[in-house]
Amino acid sequence: MIIGLLVNPIAGMGGRVGLKGTDGVVDEAVRRGATQVAPGRALEFLVTLSSLKLSGVELITCPGAMGAEICKRAGIKHKAINIRLGPKTTAKDTIRCVRALYESAVRLLVFVGGDGTARDILDAVKEGNLSDLLVLGVPSGVKMYSGVFVVNPSDAAEVVRLVNEGATGTTEFEIMDADEAAIRQDKFMVQLYGYLTGPSVPARFQGSKQVSPETVDEHEAQEAIAKYVIDTMPQGQALILGPGTTIKALADLLRIKKTTLGVDLFHEGIVYNDVNESKILEVVKDFAKAWIVVSPIGHQGVLFGRGNQQISPHIIQRIGRDNIRVLCTASKLTGIEGGTLKVDTGDPEVDKLLRGYIRVVTDYSEMRLVKIE
């Protein structure tokens, strides 16, 4: 089996610095102190893949930062396609690489990136009529609403193993992308662009994002959850508020402004809107008196690592598992794939810390124990 590897080296750089994406704002992300995320995610995939010691697998990748450099770091045998890349990679580079990998007999393409990268690959598949190419996404972006992504890089290696063993079928994955400029203005605009074919291993994939239902019952449940949090919150508690409408209901009851699609901080009576990792670390002096308040992404069930990378592994470690409050209405919880929650913080040790059962507030004084896988 010949597999291809394509890495978008800038994917995800806007996450921790609060830019809600990287499209068109790479220079600003760097100015804010952003570092590359994708190479580390690719390295984790390759190290896990190497440990599986698969027989009969050949790896072909893109040159330089789009693959070959990371393969060398991993010490994994590979070939690089002969394409000249500029100092800054572009969507056109991605499309060119997909075509060249396909022409090199690649029929399973593993890419490391986000929704924008998935869209570029979709364009390449459509333009080149590459209908027999299977695609598998390693999450490295900020949003990742598309269903083509596995939960974490290690899962991608396991999917490759199952494909190599002939133990999978194929399925169609929705390729979705949000308008990052609109999201930076706190407007949620997401669009379905098409479908990519990939291996069918439902337990390893995150699924597409599902928008929360806009019903009277749903709003009432969100308000009841918010009231319970306020009634049980210790005096002087700092709140790190993740994105989403359920968390916004809490902010509304506190009478503070909430960035629906960003992370906000409420500390000593002051609200800091649309904060990044460094701002949280600057303002909060006593993390023992702070809560992280988050709600899982609809259908995907992801708590950390999708759209809230500002709440970094370092912050999660400082606050601790016991000071995380998960809010989710019963209807939204029912719609989560597999009935379990997922985490992908970018730090395997923090992911391990978070795994196990956690209390989820579903109504006023009503909680369910839900497993984090």
Foldseek 3Di string as FASTA:
>chain_A
DEEEEWEQFQAAQCFQQLLLWPVPCSVVSVVSPTDTQGLLQVLVLLLLLVVVVDPPYAYEYADDPGPPVSCVVNVHDYHHFDDDADPHHDLVNLLVRLVRSVVVVHQEYEYEHALVSVVSNVVSCVVVVSQRHAYAYAYRHAAHQKFRYFQGSSLVSVLVVCVSVVNWDKDKIWRKDFDSVVLSVLHTGMDTDGIGMHTDDVVGTLHGFDADDDDPVQLQQLLQLLVQCVVPQDPQAKEWEAAADSSVSNCVVVVHDASNLAIWIQGPNDIRYSHGQVVVVVPDDQLCRYAYEFEAGAQSQETEDHSYLSCALVVCVRNDQVRYAYEDAPVRCVNHPPSAHEYDRSDVVSRVRNFDWDWYRHGNVDTDTHTYD
